PDB file of all heavy atoms in Angstrom:
ATOM      1  N   PHE A   1      -0.243  -7.872   5.324  1.00  0.00           N
ATOM      2  CA  PHE A   1       0.258  -6.465   5.710  1.00  0.00           C
ATOM      3  C   PHE A   1      -0.606  -6.085   6.924  1.00  0.00           C
ATOM      4  O   PHE A   1      -1.738  -6.354   7.091  1.00  0.00           O
ATOM      5  CB  PHE A   1       0.019  -5.471   4.664  1.00  0.00           C
ATOM      6  CG  PHE A   1       0.852  -5.640   3.483  1.00  0.00           C
ATOM      7  CD1 PHE A   1       1.723  -6.749   3.283  1.00  0.00           C
ATOM      8  CD2 PHE A   1       0.972  -4.556   2.478  1.00  0.00           C
ATOM      9  CE1 PHE A   1       2.593  -6.840   2.095  1.00  0.00           C
ATOM     10  CE2 PHE A   1       1.737  -4.718   1.392  1.00  0.00           C
ATOM     11  CZ  PHE A   1       2.550  -5.829   1.176  1.00  0.00           C
ATOM     12  N   THR A   2       0.112  -5.343   7.827  1.00  0.00           N
ATOM     13  CA  THR A   2      -0.594  -4.773   9.000  1.00  0.00           C
ATOM     14  C   THR A   2      -0.186  -3.276   9.199  1.00  0.00           C
ATOM     15  O   THR A   2       0.974  -3.029   9.334  1.00  0.00           O
ATOM     16  CB  THR A   2      -0.198  -5.619  10.276  1.00  0.00           C
ATOM     17  OG1 THR A   2      -0.555  -6.999  10.094  1.00  0.00           O
ATOM     18  CG2 THR A   2      -1.006  -5.007  11.518  1.00  0.00           C
ATOM     19  N   ILE A   3      -1.216  -2.483   9.292  1.00  0.00           N
ATOM     20  CA  ILE A   3      -0.945  -1.039   9.566  1.00  0.00           C
ATOM     21  C   ILE A   3      -1.073  -0.866  11.121  1.00  0.00           C
ATOM     22  O   ILE A   3      -1.893  -1.425  11.815  1.00  0.00           O
ATOM     23  CB  ILE A   3      -1.901  -0.130   8.794  1.00  0.00           C
ATOM     24  CG1 ILE A   3      -1.594   1.311   8.955  1.00  0.00           C
ATOM     25  CG2 ILE A   3      -3.397  -0.377   9.266  1.00  0.00           C
ATOM     26  CD1 ILE A   3      -2.380   2.254   8.055  1.00  0.00           C
ATOM     27  N   SER A   4      -0.198  -0.058  11.651  1.00  0.00           N
ATOM     28  CA  SER A   4      -0.263   0.245  13.065  1.00  0.00           C
ATOM     29  C   SER A   4       0.237   1.680  13.275  1.00  0.00           C
ATOM     30  O   SER A   4       0.706   2.324  12.354  1.00  0.00           O
ATOM     31  CB  SER A   4       0.699  -0.768  13.828  1.00  0.00           C
ATOM     32  OG  SER A   4       1.995  -0.661  13.526  1.00  0.00           O
ATOM     33  N   ARG A   5       0.288   2.141  14.478  1.00  0.00           N
ATOM     34  CA  ARG A   5       0.676   3.538  14.779  1.00  0.00           C
ATOM     35  C   ARG A   5       1.174   3.660  16.206  1.00  0.00           C
ATOM     36  O   ARG A   5       0.936   2.881  17.070  1.00  0.00           O
ATOM     37  CB  ARG A   5      -0.570   4.465  14.695  1.00  0.00           C
ATOM     38  CG  ARG A   5      -1.711   4.092  15.626  1.00  0.00           C
ATOM     39  CD  ARG A   5      -3.015   4.641  15.176  1.00  0.00           C
ATOM     40  NE  ARG A   5      -4.136   4.064  15.972  1.00  0.00           N
ATOM     41  CZ  ARG A   5      -5.366   4.350  15.737  1.00  0.00           C
ATOM     42  NH1 ARG A   5      -5.777   5.230  14.822  1.00  0.00           N
ATOM     43  NH2 ARG A   5      -6.347   3.801  16.556  1.00  0.00           N
ATOM     44  N   SER A   6       1.916   4.796  16.350  1.00  0.00           N
ATOM     45  CA  SER A   6       2.414   5.197  17.688  1.00  0.00           C
ATOM     46  C   SER A   6       2.035   6.607  17.808  1.00  0.00           C
ATOM     47  O   SER A   6       2.664   7.466  17.134  1.00  0.00           O
ATOM     48  CB  SER A   6       3.982   4.988  17.776  1.00  0.00           C
ATOM     49  OG  SER A   6       4.387   5.665  18.948  1.00  0.00           O
ATOM     50  N   ASN A   7       1.060   6.899  18.658  1.00  0.00           N
ATOM     51  CA  ASN A   7       0.636   8.386  18.814  1.00  0.00           C
ATOM     52  C   ASN A   7       1.832   9.121  19.502  1.00  0.00           C
ATOM     53  O   ASN A   7       2.033  10.258  19.210  1.00  0.00           O
ATOM     54  CB  ASN A   7      -0.536   8.399  19.739  1.00  0.00           C
ATOM     55  CG  ASN A   7      -1.742   7.921  19.049  1.00  0.00           C
ATOM     56  OD1 ASN A   7      -1.930   8.032  17.753  1.00  0.00           O
ATOM     57  ND2 ASN A   7      -2.671   7.313  19.754  1.00  0.00           N
ATOM     58  N   ALA A   8       2.553   8.444  20.365  1.00  0.00           N
ATOM     59  CA  ALA A   8       3.650   9.095  21.062  1.00  0.00           C
ATOM     60  C   ALA A   8       4.799   9.568  20.037  1.00  0.00           C
ATOM     61  O   ALA A   8       5.459  10.607  20.227  1.00  0.00           O
ATOM     62  CB  ALA A   8       4.312   8.199  22.100  1.00  0.00           C
ATOM     63  N   LYS A   9       4.958   8.719  19.078  1.00  0.00           N
ATOM     64  CA  LYS A   9       6.000   9.103  17.967  1.00  0.00           C
ATOM     65  C   LYS A   9       5.435   9.757  16.812  1.00  0.00           C
ATOM     66  O   LYS A   9       6.196   9.970  15.834  1.00  0.00           O
ATOM     67  CB  LYS A   9       6.788   7.867  17.674  1.00  0.00           C
ATOM     68  CG  LYS A   9       7.488   7.174  18.838  1.00  0.00           C
ATOM     69  CD  LYS A   9       8.245   5.921  18.363  1.00  0.00           C
ATOM     70  CE  LYS A   9       9.059   5.308  19.437  1.00  0.00           C
ATOM     71  NZ  LYS A   9       9.806   4.083  19.026  1.00  0.00           N
ATOM     72  N   ASN A  10       4.143  10.047  16.721  1.00  0.00           N
ATOM     73  CA  ASN A  10       3.498  10.608  15.583  1.00  0.00           C
ATOM     74  C   ASN A  10       3.853   9.842  14.300  1.00  0.00           C
ATOM     75  O   ASN A  10       4.192  10.328  13.292  1.00  0.00           O
ATOM     76  CB  ASN A  10       3.913  12.105  15.420  1.00  0.00           C
ATOM     77  CG  ASN A  10       3.272  12.920  16.451  1.00  0.00           C
ATOM     78  OD1 ASN A  10       2.253  12.595  17.082  1.00  0.00           O
ATOM     79  ND2 ASN A  10       3.971  14.029  16.764  1.00  0.00           N
ATOM     80  N   THR A  11       3.782   8.477  14.430  1.00  0.00           N
ATOM     81  CA  THR A  11       4.297   7.668  13.276  1.00  0.00           C
ATOM     82  C   THR A  11       3.226   6.569  13.009  1.00  0.00           C
ATOM     83  O   THR A  11       2.612   5.961  13.945  1.00  0.00           O
ATOM     84  CB  THR A  11       5.604   7.020  13.707  1.00  0.00           C
ATOM     85  OG1 THR A  11       6.520   8.033  13.902  1.00  0.00           O
ATOM     86  CG2 THR A  11       6.156   6.138  12.568  1.00  0.00           C
ATOM     87  N   VAL A  12       3.095   6.289  11.762  1.00  0.00           N
ATOM     88  CA  VAL A  12       2.299   5.174  11.271  1.00  0.00           C
ATOM     89  C   VAL A  12       3.159   4.193  10.617  1.00  0.00           C
ATOM     90  O   VAL A  12       4.162   4.594   9.911  1.00  0.00           O
ATOM     91  CB  VAL A  12       1.225   5.649  10.318  1.00  0.00           C
ATOM     92  CG1 VAL A  12       0.456   4.529   9.672  1.00  0.00           C
ATOM     93  CG2 VAL A  12       0.192   6.589  10.978  1.00  0.00           C
ATOM     94  N   TYR A  13       2.913   2.957  10.806  1.00  0.00           N
ATOM     95  CA  TYR A  13       3.782   1.829  10.291  1.00  0.00           C
ATOM     96  C   TYR A  13       3.001   0.943   9.360  1.00  0.00           C
ATOM     97  O   TYR A  13       1.779   0.916   9.397  1.00  0.00           O
ATOM     98  CB  TYR A  13       4.274   1.021  11.499  1.00  0.00           C
ATOM     99  CG  TYR A  13       4.995   1.763  12.454  1.00  0.00           C
ATOM    100  CD1 TYR A  13       4.400   2.136  13.727  1.00  0.00           C
ATOM    101  CD2 TYR A  13       6.365   2.041  12.351  1.00  0.00           C
ATOM    102  CE1 TYR A  13       5.082   2.867  14.732  1.00  0.00           C
ATOM    103  CE2 TYR A  13       7.041   2.817  13.369  1.00  0.00           C
ATOM    104  CZ  TYR A  13       6.373   3.166  14.461  1.00  0.00           C
ATOM    105  OH  TYR A  13       7.091   3.858  15.456  1.00  0.00           O
ATOM    106  N   LEU A  14       3.713   0.229   8.459  1.00  0.00           N
ATOM    107  CA  LEU A  14       3.207  -0.790   7.669  1.00  0.00           C
ATOM    108  C   LEU A  14       4.171  -1.995   7.699  1.00  0.00           C
ATOM    109  O   LEU A  14       5.255  -1.946   7.146  1.00  0.00           O
ATOM    110  CB  LEU A  14       3.079  -0.358   6.243  1.00  0.00           C
ATOM    111  CG  LEU A  14       2.337  -1.294   5.327  1.00  0.00           C
ATOM    112  CD1 LEU A  14       0.853  -1.559   5.722  1.00  0.00           C
ATOM    113  CD2 LEU A  14       2.395  -0.874   3.829  1.00  0.00           C
ATOM    114  N   GLN A  15       3.660  -2.992   8.422  1.00  0.00           N
ATOM    115  CA  GLN A  15       4.466  -4.297   8.472  1.00  0.00           C
ATOM    116  C   GLN A  15       4.036  -5.138   7.340  1.00  0.00           C
ATOM    117  O   GLN A  15       2.709  -5.431   7.212  1.00  0.00           O
ATOM    118  CB  GLN A  15       4.193  -5.002   9.779  1.00  0.00           C
ATOM    119  CG  GLN A  15       4.755  -6.315   9.901  1.00  0.00           C
ATOM    120  CD  GLN A  15       6.309  -6.212  10.020  1.00  0.00           C
ATOM    121  OE1 GLN A  15       6.850  -5.554  10.806  1.00  0.00           O
ATOM    122  NE2 GLN A  15       7.050  -7.023   9.223  1.00  0.00           N
ATOM    123  N   MET A  16       5.004  -5.473   6.539  1.00  0.00           N
ATOM    124  CA  MET A  16       4.651  -6.226   5.292  1.00  0.00           C
ATOM    125  C   MET A  16       5.392  -7.620   5.416  1.00  0.00           C
ATOM    126  O   MET A  16       6.657  -7.648   5.425  1.00  0.00           O
ATOM    127  CB  MET A  16       5.197  -5.531   4.004  1.00  0.00           C
ATOM    128  CG  MET A  16       4.615  -4.044   4.013  1.00  0.00           C
ATOM    129  SD  MET A  16       5.122  -3.277   2.439  1.00  0.00           S
ATOM    130  CE  MET A  16       6.848  -3.068   2.647  1.00  0.00           C
ATOM    131  N   ASN A  17       4.591  -8.593   5.444  1.00  0.00           N
ATOM    132  CA  ASN A  17       5.062 -10.055   5.497  1.00  0.00           C
ATOM    133  C   ASN A  17       4.757 -10.764   4.304  1.00  0.00           C
ATOM    134  O   ASN A  17       3.876 -10.435   3.504  1.00  0.00           O
ATOM    135  CB  ASN A  17       4.508 -10.695   6.743  1.00  0.00           C
ATOM    136  CG  ASN A  17       4.922 -10.090   8.062  1.00  0.00           C
ATOM    137  OD1 ASN A  17       6.030  -9.538   8.232  1.00  0.00           O
ATOM    138  ND2 ASN A  17       3.996 -10.142   9.004  1.00  0.00           N
ATOM    139  N   SER A  18       5.447 -11.910   4.078  1.00  0.00           N
ATOM    140  CA  SER A  18       5.152 -12.779   2.896  1.00  0.00           C
ATOM    141  C   SER A  18       5.095 -11.938   1.603  1.00  0.00           C
ATOM    142  O   SER A  18       4.204 -12.124   0.760  1.00  0.00           O
ATOM    143  CB  SER A  18       3.839 -13.514   3.088  1.00  0.00           C
ATOM    144  OG  SER A  18       3.838 -14.294   4.268  1.00  0.00           O
ATOM    145  N   LEU A  19       6.074 -11.171   1.474  1.00  0.00           N
ATOM    146  CA  LEU A  19       6.135 -10.248   0.264  1.00  0.00           C
ATOM    147  C   LEU A  19       6.225 -11.066  -1.000  1.00  0.00           C
ATOM    148  O   LEU A  19       6.809 -12.061  -1.094  1.00  0.00           O
ATOM    149  CB  LEU A  19       7.279  -9.211   0.390  1.00  0.00           C
ATOM    150  CG  LEU A  19       6.986  -8.133   1.320  1.00  0.00           C
ATOM    151  CD1 LEU A  19       8.259  -7.467   1.814  1.00  0.00           C
ATOM    152  CD2 LEU A  19       6.012  -7.118   0.790  1.00  0.00           C
ATOM    153  N   LYS A  20       5.561 -10.445  -2.051  1.00  0.00           N
ATOM    154  CA  LYS A  20       5.530 -11.106  -3.350  1.00  0.00           C
ATOM    155  C   LYS A  20       6.150 -10.060  -4.315  1.00  0.00           C
ATOM    156  O   LYS A  20       6.122  -8.899  -4.120  1.00  0.00           O
ATOM    157  CB  LYS A  20       4.123 -11.396  -3.738  1.00  0.00           C
ATOM    158  CG  LYS A  20       3.302 -12.295  -2.726  1.00  0.00           C
ATOM    159  CD  LYS A  20       1.875 -12.430  -3.210  1.00  0.00           C
ATOM    160  CE  LYS A  20       1.056 -13.274  -2.198  1.00  0.00           C
ATOM    161  NZ  LYS A  20      -0.334 -13.427  -2.666  1.00  0.00           N
ATOM    162  N   PRO A  21       6.655 -10.560  -5.512  1.00  0.00           N
ATOM    163  CA  PRO A  21       7.174  -9.657  -6.505  1.00  0.00           C
ATOM    164  C   PRO A  21       6.147  -8.612  -6.964  1.00  0.00           C
ATOM    165  O   PRO A  21       6.535  -7.441  -7.233  1.00  0.00           O
ATOM    166  CB  PRO A  21       7.500 -10.658  -7.676  1.00  0.00           C
ATOM    167  CG  PRO A  21       7.899 -11.940  -7.017  1.00  0.00           C
ATOM    168  CD  PRO A  21       6.855 -12.025  -5.925  1.00  0.00           C
ATOM    169  N   GLU A  22       4.881  -8.957  -6.927  1.00  0.00           N
ATOM    170  CA  GLU A  22       3.835  -7.990  -7.309  1.00  0.00           C
ATOM    171  C   GLU A  22       3.614  -6.897  -6.272  1.00  0.00           C
ATOM    172  O   GLU A  22       2.844  -5.984  -6.569  1.00  0.00           O
ATOM    173  CB  GLU A  22       2.560  -8.671  -7.615  1.00  0.00           C
ATOM    174  CG  GLU A  22       2.017  -9.687  -6.563  1.00  0.00           C
ATOM    175  CD  GLU A  22       2.457 -11.119  -6.843  1.00  0.00           C
ATOM    176  OE1 GLU A  22       3.575 -11.351  -7.251  1.00  0.00           O
ATOM    177  OE2 GLU A  22       1.566 -11.918  -6.647  1.00  0.00           O
ATOM    178  N   ASP A  23       4.252  -7.044  -5.179  1.00  0.00           N
ATOM    179  CA  ASP A  23       4.283  -5.924  -4.118  1.00  0.00           C
ATOM    180  C   ASP A  23       5.258  -4.849  -4.493  1.00  0.00           C
ATOM    181  O   ASP A  23       5.286  -3.817  -3.787  1.00  0.00           O
ATOM    182  CB  ASP A  23       4.495  -6.441  -2.719  1.00  0.00           C
ATOM    183  CG  ASP A  23       3.369  -7.368  -2.195  1.00  0.00           C
ATOM    184  OD1 ASP A  23       2.154  -7.059  -2.488  1.00  0.00           O
ATOM    185  OD2 ASP A  23       3.739  -8.412  -1.625  1.00  0.00           O
ATOM    186  N   THR A  24       6.126  -4.996  -5.404  1.00  0.00           N
ATOM    187  CA  THR A  24       7.117  -4.137  -5.850  1.00  0.00           C
ATOM    188  C   THR A  24       6.400  -2.741  -6.209  1.00  0.00           C
ATOM    189  O   THR A  24       5.571  -2.807  -7.176  1.00  0.00           O
ATOM    190  CB  THR A  24       7.952  -4.658  -6.973  1.00  0.00           C
ATOM    191  OG1 THR A  24       8.734  -5.734  -6.475  1.00  0.00           O
ATOM    192  CG2 THR A  24       8.897  -3.565  -7.548  1.00  0.00           C
ATOM    193  N   ALA A  25       6.821  -1.677  -5.638  1.00  0.00           N
ATOM    194  CA  ALA A  25       6.195  -0.426  -5.944  1.00  0.00           C
ATOM    195  C   ALA A  25       6.855   0.681  -5.076  1.00  0.00           C
ATOM    196  O   ALA A  25       7.683   0.365  -4.181  1.00  0.00           O
ATOM    197  CB  ALA A  25       4.686  -0.395  -5.638  1.00  0.00           C
ATOM    198  N   VAL A  26       6.493   1.954  -5.381  1.00  0.00           N
ATOM    199  CA  VAL A  26       6.860   3.019  -4.482  1.00  0.00           C
ATOM    200  C   VAL A  26       5.687   3.143  -3.537  1.00  0.00           C
ATOM    201  O   VAL A  26       4.527   3.311  -3.965  1.00  0.00           O
ATOM    202  CB  VAL A  26       7.089   4.313  -5.262  1.00  0.00           C
ATOM    203  CG1 VAL A  26       7.398   5.429  -4.235  1.00  0.00           C
ATOM    204  CG2 VAL A  26       8.210   4.185  -6.237  1.00  0.00           C
ATOM    205  N   TYR A  27       6.012   3.134  -2.232  1.00  0.00           N
ATOM    206  CA  TYR A  27       4.944   3.221  -1.219  1.00  0.00           C
ATOM    207  C   TYR A  27       4.924   4.612  -0.668  1.00  0.00           C
ATOM    208  O   TYR A  27       6.062   5.154  -0.250  1.00  0.00           O
ATOM    209  CB  TYR A  27       5.327   2.221  -0.154  1.00  0.00           C
ATOM    210  CG  TYR A  27       4.831   0.767  -0.472  1.00  0.00           C
ATOM    211  CD1 TYR A  27       5.571   0.088  -1.454  1.00  0.00           C
ATOM    212  CD2 TYR A  27       3.703   0.119  -0.016  1.00  0.00           C
ATOM    213  CE1 TYR A  27       5.303  -1.157  -1.854  1.00  0.00           C
ATOM    214  CE2 TYR A  27       3.451  -1.123  -0.346  1.00  0.00           C
ATOM    215  CZ  TYR A  27       4.178  -1.829  -1.361  1.00  0.00           C
ATOM    216  OH  TYR A  27       3.837  -3.083  -1.768  1.00  0.00           O
ATOM    217  N   TYR A  28       3.736   5.159  -0.553  1.00  0.00           N
ATOM    218  CA  TYR A  28       3.570   6.547  -0.133  1.00  0.00           C
ATOM    219  C   TYR A  28       2.668   6.621   1.094  1.00  0.00           C
ATOM    220  O   TYR A  28       1.726   5.889   1.176  1.00  0.00           O
ATOM    221  CB  TYR A  28       2.874   7.366  -1.198  1.00  0.00           C
ATOM    222  CG  TYR A  28       3.647   7.540  -2.475  1.00  0.00           C
ATOM    223  CD1 TYR A  28       3.512   6.626  -3.537  1.00  0.00           C
ATOM    224  CD2 TYR A  28       4.431   8.579  -2.593  1.00  0.00           C
ATOM    225  CE1 TYR A  28       4.170   6.834  -4.787  1.00  0.00           C
ATOM    226  CE2 TYR A  28       5.260   8.807  -3.866  1.00  0.00           C
ATOM    227  CZ  TYR A  28       5.024   7.827  -4.853  1.00  0.00           C
ATOM    228  OH  TYR A  28       5.761   8.066  -6.039  1.00  0.00           O
ATOM    229  N   CYS A  29       3.078   7.495   1.982  1.00  0.00           N
ATOM    230  CA  CYS A  29       2.189   7.783   3.160  1.00  0.00           C
ATOM    231  C   CYS A  29       1.309   8.996   2.823  1.00  0.00           C
ATOM    232  O   CYS A  29       1.739   9.880   2.060  1.00  0.00           O
ATOM    233  CB  CYS A  29       3.078   8.112   4.335  1.00  0.00           C
ATOM    234  SG  CYS A  29       2.163   8.498   5.839  1.00  0.00           S
ATOM    235  N   ASN A  30       0.020   8.870   3.257  1.00  0.00           N
ATOM    236  CA  ASN A  30      -0.890   9.874   2.865  1.00  0.00           C
ATOM    237  C   ASN A  30      -1.878  10.200   4.088  1.00  0.00           C
ATOM    238  O   ASN A  30      -2.164   9.303   4.851  1.00  0.00           O
ATOM    239  CB  ASN A  30      -1.813   9.368   1.827  1.00  0.00           C
ATOM    240  CG  ASN A  30      -2.994  10.341   1.467  1.00  0.00           C
ATOM    241  OD1 ASN A  30      -4.086  10.099   1.945  1.00  0.00           O
ATOM    242  ND2 ASN A  30      -2.713  11.395   0.650  1.00  0.00           N
ATOM    243  N   ALA A  31      -2.135  11.542   4.158  1.00  0.00           N
ATOM    244  CA  ALA A  31      -3.099  11.976   5.222  1.00  0.00           C
ATOM    245  C   ALA A  31      -4.107  12.967   4.562  1.00  0.00           C
ATOM    246  O   ALA A  31      -3.653  13.797   3.791  1.00  0.00           O
ATOM    247  CB  ALA A  31      -2.366  12.616   6.410  1.00  0.00           C
ATOM    248  N   GLN A  32      -5.401  12.735   4.904  1.00  0.00           N
ATOM    249  CA  GLN A  32      -6.370  13.567   4.263  1.00  0.00           C
ATOM    250  C   GLN A  32      -7.379  14.145   5.342  1.00  0.00           C
ATOM    251  O   GLN A  32      -8.508  13.901   5.400  1.00  0.00           O
ATOM    252  CB  GLN A  32      -7.219  12.769   3.326  1.00  0.00           C
ATOM    253  CG  GLN A  32      -6.348  12.285   2.166  1.00  0.00           C
ATOM    254  CD  GLN A  32      -7.176  11.410   1.113  1.00  0.00           C
ATOM    255  OE1 GLN A  32      -8.437  11.387   1.157  1.00  0.00           O
ATOM    256  NE2 GLN A  32      -6.501  10.697   0.324  1.00  0.00           N
ATOM    257  N   PRO A  33      -6.803  15.035   6.229  1.00  0.00           N
ATOM    258  CA  PRO A  33      -7.707  15.633   7.313  1.00  0.00           C
ATOM    259  C   PRO A  33      -8.487  16.742   6.770  1.00  0.00           C
ATOM    260  O   PRO A  33      -7.992  17.722   6.235  1.00  0.00           O
ATOM    261  CB  PRO A  33      -6.659  16.071   8.324  1.00  0.00           C
ATOM    262  CG  PRO A  33      -5.412  16.475   7.514  1.00  0.00           C
ATOM    263  CD  PRO A  33      -5.441  15.473   6.382  1.00  0.00           C
ATOM    264  N   TYR A  34      -9.849  16.605   6.764  1.00  0.00           N
ATOM    265  CA  TYR A  34     -10.732  17.628   6.527  1.00  0.00           C
ATOM    266  C   TYR A  34     -10.468  18.469   5.270  1.00  0.00           C
ATOM    267  O   TYR A  34     -10.217  19.726   5.369  1.00  0.00           O
ATOM    268  CB  TYR A  34     -10.857  18.564   7.739  1.00  0.00           C
ATOM    269  CG  TYR A  34     -11.296  17.707   8.936  1.00  0.00           C
ATOM    270  CD1 TYR A  34     -10.391  17.458   9.953  1.00  0.00           C
ATOM    271  CD2 TYR A  34     -12.575  17.272   9.112  1.00  0.00           C
ATOM    272  CE1 TYR A  34     -10.733  16.578  10.983  1.00  0.00           C
ATOM    273  CE2 TYR A  34     -12.999  16.485  10.145  1.00  0.00           C
ATOM    274  CZ  TYR A  34     -12.044  16.135  11.078  1.00  0.00           C
ATOM    275  OH  TYR A  34     -12.449  15.427  12.191  1.00  0.00           O
ATOM    276  N   GLY A  35     -10.445  17.806   4.073  1.00  0.00           N
ATOM    277  CA  GLY A  35     -10.264  18.507   2.800  1.00  0.00           C
ATOM    278  C   GLY A  35      -8.810  18.766   2.410  1.00  0.00           C
ATOM    279  O   GLY A  35      -8.565  19.189   1.296  1.00  0.00           O
ATOM    280  N   TYR A  36      -7.881  18.454   3.307  1.00  0.00           N
ATOM    281  CA  TYR A  36      -6.519  18.532   2.890  1.00  0.00           C
ATOM    282  C   TYR A  36      -6.045  17.154   2.387  1.00  0.00           C
ATOM    283  O   TYR A  36      -6.579  16.140   2.591  1.00  0.00           O
ATOM    284  CB  TYR A  36      -5.629  18.954   4.063  1.00  0.00           C
ATOM    285  CG  TYR A  36      -5.929  20.450   4.465  1.00  0.00           C
ATOM    286  CD1 TYR A  36      -6.925  20.720   5.424  1.00  0.00           C
ATOM    287  CD2 TYR A  36      -5.219  21.464   3.888  1.00  0.00           C
ATOM    288  CE1 TYR A  36      -7.121  22.022   5.831  1.00  0.00           C
ATOM    289  CE2 TYR A  36      -5.403  22.808   4.278  1.00  0.00           C
ATOM    290  CZ  TYR A  36      -6.465  23.062   5.191  1.00  0.00           C
ATOM    291  OH  TYR A  36      -6.735  24.334   5.641  1.00  0.00           O
ATOM    292  N   ASP A  37      -4.854  17.271   1.696  1.00  0.00           N
ATOM    293  CA  ASP A  37      -4.307  16.020   1.068  1.00  0.00           C
ATOM    294  C   ASP A  37      -2.830  16.062   1.121  1.00  0.00           C
ATOM    295  O   ASP A  37      -2.227  16.850   0.265  1.00  0.00           O
ATOM    296  CB  ASP A  37      -4.836  15.819  -0.405  1.00  0.00           C
ATOM    297  CG  ASP A  37      -4.591  14.500  -0.974  1.00  0.00           C
ATOM    298  OD1 ASP A  37      -4.164  13.516  -0.205  1.00  0.00           O
ATOM    299  OD2 ASP A  37      -4.767  14.286  -2.174  1.00  0.00           O
ATOM    300  N   TYR A  38      -2.228  15.313   1.986  1.00  0.00           N
ATOM    301  CA  TYR A  38      -0.823  15.404   2.178  1.00  0.00           C
ATOM    302  C   TYR A  38      -0.103  14.104   1.785  1.00  0.00           C
ATOM    303  O   TYR A  38      -0.618  13.023   2.154  1.00  0.00           O
ATOM    304  CB  TYR A  38      -0.369  15.692   3.661  1.00  0.00           C
ATOM    305  CG  TYR A  38      -0.983  16.987   4.209  1.00  0.00           C
ATOM    306  CD1 TYR A  38      -2.019  16.976   5.133  1.00  0.00           C
ATOM    307  CD2 TYR A  38      -0.468  18.224   3.812  1.00  0.00           C
ATOM    308  CE1 TYR A  38      -2.543  18.117   5.655  1.00  0.00           C
ATOM    309  CE2 TYR A  38      -0.975  19.380   4.297  1.00  0.00           C
ATOM    310  CZ  TYR A  38      -1.949  19.407   5.225  1.00  0.00           C
ATOM    311  OH  TYR A  38      -2.480  20.505   5.766  1.00  0.00           O
ATOM    312  N   TRP A  39       1.022  14.123   1.044  1.00  0.00           N
ATOM    313  CA  TRP A  39       1.695  12.992   0.667  1.00  0.00           C
ATOM    314  C   TRP A  39       3.205  13.027   1.031  1.00  0.00           C
ATOM    315  O   TRP A  39       3.793  14.113   1.109  1.00  0.00           O
ATOM    316  CB  TRP A  39       1.683  12.875  -0.797  1.00  0.00           C
ATOM    317  CG  TRP A  39       0.313  12.615  -1.378  1.00  0.00           C
ATOM    318  CD1 TRP A  39      -0.635  13.491  -1.753  1.00  0.00           C
ATOM    319  CD2 TRP A  39      -0.240  11.207  -1.560  1.00  0.00           C
ATOM    320  NE1 TRP A  39      -1.688  12.763  -2.271  1.00  0.00           N
ATOM    321  CE2 TRP A  39      -1.571  11.475  -2.084  1.00  0.00           C
ATOM    322  CE3 TRP A  39       0.238   9.958  -1.394  1.00  0.00           C
ATOM    323  CZ2 TRP A  39      -2.405  10.437  -2.494  1.00  0.00           C
ATOM    324  CZ3 TRP A  39      -0.669   8.914  -1.735  1.00  0.00           C
ATOM    325  CH2 TRP A  39      -1.938   9.103  -2.194  1.00  0.00           C
ATOM    326  N   GLY A  40       3.711  11.876   1.376  1.00  0.00           N
ATOM    327  CA  GLY A  40       5.158  11.802   1.702  1.00  0.00           C
ATOM    328  C   GLY A  40       5.915  11.647   0.236  1.00  0.00           C
ATOM    329  O   GLY A  40       5.259  11.738  -0.820  1.00  0.00           O
ATOM    330  N   GLN A  41       7.209  11.626   0.290  1.00  0.00           N
ATOM    331  CA  GLN A  41       7.968  11.543  -0.942  1.00  0.00           C
ATOM    332  C   GLN A  41       8.088  10.166  -1.538  1.00  0.00           C
ATOM    333  O   GLN A  41       8.475   9.910  -2.568  1.00  0.00           O
ATOM    334  CB  GLN A  41       9.457  12.085  -0.607  1.00  0.00           C
ATOM    335  CG  GLN A  41      10.358  11.014  -0.030  1.00  0.00           C
ATOM    336  CD  GLN A  41      10.144  10.684   1.498  1.00  0.00           C
ATOM    337  OE1 GLN A  41       9.268  11.443   2.145  1.00  0.00           O
ATOM    338  NE2 GLN A  41      10.843   9.830   2.016  1.00  0.00           N
ATOM    339  N   GLY A  42       7.686   9.157  -0.726  1.00  0.00           N
ATOM    340  CA  GLY A  42       7.693   7.770  -1.177  1.00  0.00           C
ATOM    341  C   GLY A  42       8.954   7.027  -0.830  1.00  0.00           C
ATOM    342  O   GLY A  42       9.987   7.625  -0.731  1.00  0.00           O
ATOM    343  N   THR A  43       8.853   5.713  -0.658  1.00  0.00           N
ATOM    344  CA  THR A  43       9.909   4.824  -0.406  1.00  0.00           C
ATOM    345  C   THR A  43       9.774   3.614  -1.328  1.00  0.00           C
ATOM    346  O   THR A  43       8.680   3.013  -1.385  1.00  0.00           O
ATOM    347  CB  THR A  43      10.045   4.515   1.033  1.00  0.00           C
ATOM    348  OG1 THR A  43      11.224   3.748   1.278  1.00  0.00           O
ATOM    349  CG2 THR A  43       8.837   3.668   1.519  1.00  0.00           C
ATOM    350  N   GLN A  44      10.821   3.235  -1.953  1.00  0.00           N
ATOM    351  CA  GLN A  44      10.876   2.179  -2.906  1.00  0.00           C
ATOM    352  C   GLN A  44      10.864   0.804  -2.193  1.00  0.00           C
ATOM    353  O   GLN A  44      11.791   0.496  -1.388  1.00  0.00           O
ATOM    354  CB  GLN A  44      12.016   2.201  -3.874  1.00  0.00           C
ATOM    355  CG  GLN A  44      12.069   1.102  -4.818  1.00  0.00           C
ATOM    356  CD  GLN A  44      10.973   1.108  -5.875  1.00  0.00           C
ATOM    357  OE1 GLN A  44      10.675   2.148  -6.510  1.00  0.00           O
ATOM    358  NE2 GLN A  44      10.461  -0.050  -6.210  1.00  0.00           N
ATOM    359  N   VAL A  45       9.956  -0.094  -2.539  1.00  0.00           N
ATOM    360  CA  VAL A  45      10.021  -1.507  -2.067  1.00  0.00           C
ATOM    361  C   VAL A  45      10.165  -2.369  -3.304  1.00  0.00           C
ATOM    362  O   VAL A  45       9.322  -2.251  -4.291  1.00  0.00           O
ATOM    363  CB  VAL A  45       8.766  -1.923  -1.390  1.00  0.00           C
ATOM    364  CG1 VAL A  45       8.723  -3.408  -1.001  1.00  0.00           C
ATOM    365  CG2 VAL A  45       8.632  -1.046  -0.004  1.00  0.00           C
TER     366      VAL A  45
END
């Protein structure tokens, strides 16, 4: 897996290669700036 970002698009990515059955999960994006804790709604893989 590789995490990357685009500041211009305000987007963070997760490239997932060589996926395994044990990678099956709901994947959530999270940000924790200075005491805050934000979560996305999740996406199923």
